[in-house]
Amino acid sequence: MNEKNNERAKKMSFASIYPLYVEKVVRKNRTQEELDAVLSWLTGYTQKGLIEQINKGATLTEFIEASPLFTPKAHLITGVICGIRVEEMTDPLMQKIRYMDKVVDELAKGKTLDKIFRN
């Protein structure tokens, strides 16, 4: 992904991405509750906090930067998103955004919550 695309991604609203995440996991027979649990584990947001970020129209940058506690286990999230290995990304903000994409993909692909949470 080039720098122009990264900048565009950082400016996207979490409110525009969240319904796509919901649609993706529900289509794969997972639930919105499971999605929220994964997002809460990753970012530290409560259910109420996720809703507040959606309602205020937070960009992905604002959403990540305001996260109460980005999981200390994030470094254990590995794999490829958009053709790039998340563990090799050099932009810390984009890496966190891609970690989020990766765990949502893992949920949609049927991984158990325990495995997603790296327990």
N, C-alpha and C. Protein backbone atom coordinates (compact mmCIF):
# COMPACT_ATOMS: atom_id res chain seq x y z
N MET A 1 0.84 -1.18 0.00
CA MET A 1 0.00 0.00 0.00
C MET A 1 0.88 1.24 0.00
N ASN A 2 0.56 2.18 -0.83
CA ASN A 2 1.40 3.37 -0.89
C ASN A 2 0.98 4.41 0.15
N GLU A 3 1.81 5.41 0.31
CA GLU A 3 1.58 6.43 1.34
C GLU A 3 0.26 7.18 1.13
N LYS A 4 -0.11 7.43 -0.12
CA LYS A 4 -1.37 8.13 -0.42
C LYS A 4 -2.56 7.31 0.08
N ASN A 5 -2.53 6.00 -0.18
CA ASN A 5 -3.60 5.13 0.29
C ASN A 5 -3.63 5.05 1.81
N ASN A 6 -2.45 5.03 2.43
CA ASN A 6 -2.38 5.00 3.89
C ASN A 6 -3.03 6.26 4.48
N GLU A 7 -2.71 7.41 3.91
CA GLU A 7 -3.28 8.66 4.41
C GLU A 7 -4.80 8.67 4.24
N ARG A 8 -5.28 8.14 3.12
CA ARG A 8 -6.72 8.08 2.90
C ARG A 8 -7.38 7.15 3.93
N ALA A 9 -6.74 6.02 4.20
CA ALA A 9 -7.28 5.08 5.18
C ALA A 9 -7.34 5.71 6.56
N LYS A 10 -6.32 6.44 6.95
CA LYS A 10 -6.28 7.07 8.27
C LYS A 10 -7.40 8.08 8.46
N LYS A 11 -7.89 8.67 7.36
CA LYS A 11 -8.94 9.70 7.43
C LYS A 11 -10.35 9.12 7.33
N MET A 12 -10.45 7.83 7.01
CA MET A 12 -11.78 7.21 6.94
C MET A 12 -12.41 7.20 8.32
N SER A 13 -13.73 7.30 8.35
CA SER A 13 -14.40 7.28 9.65
C SER A 13 -14.60 5.84 10.12
N PHE A 14 -14.45 5.66 11.43
CA PHE A 14 -14.73 4.35 12.01
C PHE A 14 -16.18 3.98 11.74
N ALA A 15 -17.08 4.98 11.74
CA ALA A 15 -18.50 4.73 11.49
C ALA A 15 -18.74 4.15 10.10
N SER A 16 -17.88 4.46 9.14
CA SER A 16 -18.05 3.90 7.79
C SER A 16 -17.47 2.48 7.69
N ILE A 17 -16.49 2.16 8.52
CA ILE A 17 -15.84 0.85 8.50
C ILE A 17 -16.61 -0.18 9.32
N TYR A 18 -17.14 0.25 10.47
CA TYR A 18 -17.80 -0.67 11.40
C TYR A 18 -18.92 -1.49 10.74
N PRO A 19 -19.85 -0.86 9.99
CA PRO A 19 -20.91 -1.67 9.36
C PRO A 19 -20.36 -2.71 8.37
N LEU A 20 -19.24 -2.39 7.74
CA LEU A 20 -18.61 -3.35 6.82
C LEU A 20 -18.05 -4.53 7.60
N TYR A 21 -17.47 -4.25 8.76
CA TYR A 21 -17.00 -5.33 9.64
C TYR A 21 -18.17 -6.21 10.08
N VAL A 22 -19.27 -5.57 10.50
CA VAL A 22 -20.45 -6.31 10.94
C VAL A 22 -20.96 -7.20 9.80
N GLU A 23 -21.11 -6.62 8.63
CA GLU A 23 -21.59 -7.37 7.47
C GLU A 23 -20.68 -8.57 7.17
N LYS A 24 -19.39 -8.35 7.23
CA LYS A 24 -18.42 -9.40 6.93
C LYS A 24 -18.53 -10.57 7.91
N VAL A 25 -18.59 -10.27 9.21
CA VAL A 25 -18.62 -11.37 10.19
C VAL A 25 -19.98 -12.06 10.21
N VAL A 26 -21.06 -11.31 10.06
CA VAL A 26 -22.40 -11.91 10.07
C VAL A 26 -22.57 -12.82 8.86
N ARG A 27 -22.04 -12.40 7.71
CA ARG A 27 -22.10 -13.22 6.50
C ARG A 27 -21.39 -14.56 6.72
N LYS A 28 -20.42 -14.58 7.62
CA LYS A 28 -19.65 -15.81 7.91
C LYS A 28 -20.15 -16.50 9.18
N ASN A 29 -21.42 -16.22 9.55
CA ASN A 29 -22.08 -16.86 10.69
C ASN A 29 -21.45 -16.54 12.03
N ARG A 30 -20.90 -15.34 12.17
CA ARG A 30 -20.43 -14.85 13.46
C ARG A 30 -21.38 -13.73 13.87
N THR A 31 -21.23 -13.21 15.08
CA THR A 31 -22.19 -12.21 15.56
C THR A 31 -21.54 -10.85 15.76
N GLN A 32 -22.41 -9.84 15.78
CA GLN A 32 -21.94 -8.49 16.08
C GLN A 32 -21.36 -8.44 17.49
N GLU A 33 -21.91 -9.21 18.40
CA GLU A 33 -21.39 -9.26 19.77
C GLU A 33 -19.97 -9.79 19.80
N GLU A 34 -19.70 -10.82 18.98
CA GLU A 34 -18.33 -11.34 18.89
C GLU A 34 -17.39 -10.29 18.30
N LEU A 35 -17.86 -9.59 17.27
CA LEU A 35 -17.07 -8.51 16.67
C LEU A 35 -16.74 -7.46 17.72
N ASP A 36 -17.74 -7.03 18.47
CA ASP A 36 -17.52 -6.01 19.50
C ASP A 36 -16.54 -6.51 20.56
N ALA A 37 -16.62 -7.79 20.90
CA ALA A 37 -15.69 -8.36 21.88
C ALA A 37 -14.26 -8.30 21.35
N VAL A 38 -14.08 -8.61 20.08
CA VAL A 38 -12.75 -8.57 19.46
C VAL A 38 -12.23 -7.14 19.41
N LEU A 39 -13.07 -6.20 18.99
CA LEU A 39 -12.65 -4.79 18.94
C LEU A 39 -12.35 -4.25 20.33
N SER A 40 -13.13 -4.66 21.31
CA SER A 40 -12.89 -4.22 22.69
C SER A 40 -11.58 -4.79 23.22
N TRP A 41 -11.31 -6.06 22.93
CA TRP A 41 -10.05 -6.67 23.35
C TRP A 41 -8.87 -5.92 22.74
N LEU A 42 -8.99 -5.60 21.45
CA LEU A 42 -7.87 -4.96 20.74
C LEU A 42 -7.63 -3.54 21.22
N THR A 43 -8.70 -2.78 21.43
CA THR A 43 -8.57 -1.33 21.66
C THR A 43 -8.82 -0.89 23.09
N GLY A 44 -9.50 -1.72 23.87
CA GLY A 44 -9.84 -1.31 25.23
C GLY A 44 -11.16 -0.56 25.34
N TYR A 45 -11.81 -0.30 24.21
CA TYR A 45 -13.11 0.38 24.26
C TYR A 45 -14.16 -0.55 24.84
N THR A 46 -15.09 0.01 25.62
CA THR A 46 -16.28 -0.72 26.04
C THR A 46 -17.28 -0.66 24.89
N GLN A 47 -18.37 -1.39 25.02
CA GLN A 47 -19.45 -1.31 24.02
C GLN A 47 -19.91 0.14 23.88
N LYS A 48 -20.08 0.81 25.02
CA LYS A 48 -20.51 2.21 25.00
C LYS A 48 -19.46 3.08 24.31
N GLY A 49 -18.20 2.81 24.56
CA GLY A 49 -17.12 3.57 23.93
C GLY A 49 -17.09 3.40 22.42
N LEU A 50 -17.33 2.19 21.95
CA LEU A 50 -17.39 1.95 20.51
C LEU A 50 -18.51 2.78 19.88
N ILE A 51 -19.68 2.74 20.52
CA ILE A 51 -20.84 3.50 20.03
C ILE A 51 -20.54 5.00 20.02
N GLU A 52 -19.90 5.49 21.07
CA GLU A 52 -19.55 6.92 21.12
C GLU A 52 -18.62 7.31 19.98
N GLN A 53 -17.64 6.46 19.68
CA GLN A 53 -16.72 6.75 18.57
C GLN A 53 -17.46 6.77 17.24
N ILE A 54 -18.41 5.86 17.07
CA ILE A 54 -19.22 5.82 15.85
C ILE A 54 -20.06 7.09 15.75
N ASN A 55 -20.74 7.43 16.85
CA ASN A 55 -21.64 8.58 16.84
C ASN A 55 -20.93 9.91 16.62
N LYS A 56 -19.69 10.03 17.11
CA LYS A 56 -18.99 11.31 16.93
C LYS A 56 -18.24 11.37 15.60
N GLY A 57 -18.29 10.29 14.83
CA GLY A 57 -17.67 10.30 13.51
C GLY A 57 -16.15 10.28 13.54
N ALA A 58 -15.58 9.61 14.54
CA ALA A 58 -14.13 9.56 14.68
C ALA A 58 -13.48 8.93 13.44
N THR A 59 -12.38 9.53 13.00
CA THR A 59 -11.60 8.92 11.93
C THR A 59 -10.89 7.69 12.51
N LEU A 60 -10.34 6.86 11.65
CA LEU A 60 -9.58 5.71 12.16
C LEU A 60 -8.40 6.18 12.99
N THR A 61 -7.78 7.30 12.58
CA THR A 61 -6.68 7.86 13.37
C THR A 61 -7.17 8.23 14.77
N GLU A 62 -8.28 8.97 14.84
CA GLU A 62 -8.82 9.38 16.14
C GLU A 62 -9.24 8.17 16.97
N PHE A 63 -9.86 7.20 16.31
CA PHE A 63 -10.32 5.99 16.99
C PHE A 63 -9.15 5.25 17.64
N ILE A 64 -8.08 5.05 16.88
CA ILE A 64 -6.92 4.33 17.40
C ILE A 64 -6.20 5.16 18.46
N GLU A 65 -5.98 6.44 18.18
CA GLU A 65 -5.23 7.28 19.12
C GLU A 65 -5.96 7.46 20.45
N ALA A 66 -7.29 7.41 20.43
CA ALA A 66 -8.07 7.59 21.66
C ALA A 66 -8.36 6.27 22.36
N SER A 67 -7.89 5.16 21.79
CA SER A 67 -8.22 3.87 22.39
C SER A 67 -7.71 3.81 23.83
N PRO A 68 -8.58 3.36 24.74
CA PRO A 68 -8.21 3.34 26.17
C PRO A 68 -7.00 2.46 26.49
N LEU A 69 -6.92 1.30 25.84
CA LEU A 69 -5.79 0.40 26.10
C LEU A 69 -5.62 -0.54 24.92
N PHE A 70 -4.76 -0.15 23.99
CA PHE A 70 -4.50 -1.04 22.87
C PHE A 70 -3.78 -2.26 23.44
N THR A 71 -4.27 -3.43 23.13
CA THR A 71 -3.77 -4.65 23.77
C THR A 71 -2.25 -4.80 23.69
N PRO A 72 -1.64 -5.15 24.80
CA PRO A 72 -0.20 -5.41 24.77
C PRO A 72 0.15 -6.68 23.99
N LYS A 73 -0.87 -7.46 23.62
CA LYS A 73 -0.64 -8.69 22.85
C LYS A 73 -0.67 -8.43 21.34
N ALA A 74 -0.80 -7.17 20.93
CA ALA A 74 -0.91 -6.86 19.49
C ALA A 74 0.28 -7.38 18.70
N HIS A 75 1.46 -7.39 19.31
CA HIS A 75 2.65 -7.86 18.59
C HIS A 75 2.55 -9.35 18.21
N LEU A 76 1.60 -10.05 18.80
CA LEU A 76 1.39 -11.46 18.48
C LEU A 76 0.49 -11.65 17.25
N ILE A 77 -0.09 -10.55 16.77
CA ILE A 77 -0.96 -10.61 15.58
C ILE A 77 -0.03 -10.57 14.36
N THR A 78 -0.10 -11.63 13.57
CA THR A 78 0.77 -11.72 12.40
C THR A 78 -0.05 -12.11 11.19
N GLY A 79 0.52 -11.91 10.02
CA GLY A 79 -0.14 -12.30 8.79
C GLY A 79 -0.16 -11.18 7.79
N VAL A 80 -0.86 -11.43 6.70
CA VAL A 80 -0.87 -10.49 5.57
C VAL A 80 -2.23 -9.83 5.45
N ILE A 81 -2.20 -8.52 5.32
CA ILE A 81 -3.39 -7.72 5.03
C ILE A 81 -3.01 -6.79 3.88
N CYS A 82 -3.82 -6.77 2.84
CA CYS A 82 -3.54 -5.93 1.67
C CYS A 82 -2.13 -6.17 1.11
N GLY A 83 -1.70 -7.42 1.15
CA GLY A 83 -0.42 -7.80 0.59
C GLY A 83 0.80 -7.43 1.41
N ILE A 84 0.58 -6.95 2.63
CA ILE A 84 1.69 -6.53 3.48
C ILE A 84 1.61 -7.28 4.81
N ARG A 85 2.75 -7.77 5.28
CA ARG A 85 2.80 -8.45 6.58
C ARG A 85 2.62 -7.40 7.67
N VAL A 86 1.60 -7.58 8.53
CA VAL A 86 1.33 -6.58 9.56
C VAL A 86 2.48 -6.43 10.54
N GLU A 87 3.19 -7.52 10.81
CA GLU A 87 4.28 -7.44 11.78
C GLU A 87 5.50 -6.70 11.24
N GLU A 88 5.53 -6.43 9.93
CA GLU A 88 6.66 -5.73 9.32
C GLU A 88 6.36 -4.28 8.98
N MET A 89 5.15 -3.82 9.27
CA MET A 89 4.79 -2.44 8.95
C MET A 89 5.60 -1.47 9.80
N THR A 90 6.01 -0.36 9.19
CA THR A 90 6.86 0.61 9.89
C THR A 90 6.07 1.80 10.43
N ASP A 91 4.88 2.05 9.93
CA ASP A 91 4.03 3.14 10.41
C ASP A 91 3.18 2.59 11.56
N PRO A 92 3.46 3.00 12.81
CA PRO A 92 2.75 2.42 13.97
C PRO A 92 1.23 2.58 13.90
N LEU A 93 0.74 3.71 13.40
CA LEU A 93 -0.71 3.92 13.31
C LEU A 93 -1.32 2.99 12.28
N MET A 94 -0.72 2.90 11.09
CA MET A 94 -1.25 1.99 10.07
C MET A 94 -1.17 0.55 10.54
N GLN A 95 -0.13 0.22 11.29
CA GLN A 95 0.00 -1.13 11.81
C GLN A 95 -1.18 -1.46 12.73
N LYS A 96 -1.56 -0.52 13.59
CA LYS A 96 -2.69 -0.76 14.49
C LYS A 96 -4.00 -0.89 13.71
N ILE A 97 -4.16 -0.07 12.67
CA ILE A 97 -5.36 -0.17 11.83
C ILE A 97 -5.40 -1.54 11.16
N ARG A 98 -4.26 -2.00 10.68
CA ARG A 98 -4.20 -3.31 10.02
C ARG A 98 -4.34 -4.46 11.01
N TYR A 99 -3.87 -4.28 12.24
CA TYR A 99 -4.13 -5.28 13.28
C TYR A 99 -5.64 -5.46 13.42
N MET A 100 -6.36 -4.34 13.41
CA MET A 100 -7.82 -4.40 13.55
C MET A 100 -8.42 -5.17 12.37
N ASP A 101 -7.98 -4.86 11.16
CA ASP A 101 -8.46 -5.60 9.99
C ASP A 101 -8.16 -7.09 10.13
N LYS A 102 -6.99 -7.40 10.61
CA LYS A 102 -6.54 -8.80 10.72
C LYS A 102 -7.39 -9.59 11.71
N VAL A 103 -7.66 -9.02 12.88
CA VAL A 103 -8.46 -9.77 13.86
C VAL A 103 -9.91 -9.91 13.41
N VAL A 104 -10.42 -8.92 12.67
CA VAL A 104 -11.77 -9.06 12.11
C VAL A 104 -11.78 -10.18 11.07
N ASP A 105 -10.73 -10.25 10.25
CA ASP A 105 -10.61 -11.35 9.29
C ASP A 105 -10.55 -12.70 10.00
N GLU A 106 -9.78 -12.77 11.08
CA GLU A 106 -9.68 -14.02 11.83
C GLU A 106 -11.04 -14.46 12.36
N LEU A 107 -11.81 -13.50 12.87
CA LEU A 107 -13.15 -13.81 13.36
C LEU A 107 -14.01 -14.34 12.22
N ALA A 108 -13.98 -13.65 11.09
CA ALA A 108 -14.80 -14.05 9.94
C ALA A 108 -14.38 -15.42 9.41
N LYS A 109 -13.11 -15.77 9.57
CA LYS A 109 -12.62 -17.06 9.07
C LYS A 109 -12.86 -18.20 10.06
N GLY A 110 -13.50 -17.90 11.20
CA GLY A 110 -13.90 -18.96 12.10
C GLY A 110 -12.99 -19.22 13.29
N LYS A 111 -11.96 -18.40 13.47
CA LYS A 111 -11.10 -18.59 14.64
C LYS A 111 -11.90 -18.39 15.92
N THR A 112 -11.57 -19.13 16.94
CA THR A 112 -12.25 -18.95 18.23
C THR A 112 -11.77 -17.66 18.88
N LEU A 113 -12.58 -17.12 19.77
CA LEU A 113 -12.19 -15.88 20.45
C LEU A 113 -10.91 -16.08 21.26
N ASP A 114 -10.77 -17.25 21.88
CA ASP A 114 -9.54 -17.53 22.64
C ASP A 114 -8.30 -17.41 21.78
N LYS A 115 -8.38 -17.94 20.56
CA LYS A 115 -7.22 -17.86 19.66
C LYS A 115 -7.00 -16.43 19.18
N ILE A 116 -8.07 -15.71 18.89
CA ILE A 116 -7.93 -14.31 18.48
C ILE A 116 -7.32 -13.49 19.61
N PHE A 117 -7.72 -13.78 20.84
CA PHE A 117 -7.21 -13.04 22.01
C PHE A 117 -5.81 -13.49 22.41
N ARG A 118 -5.26 -14.43 21.67
CA ARG A 118 -3.90 -14.93 21.90
C ARG A 118 -3.73 -15.48 23.31
N ASN A 119 -4.75 -16.21 23.79
CA ASN A 119 -4.68 -16.83 25.12
C ASN A 119 -3.96 -18.15 25.09
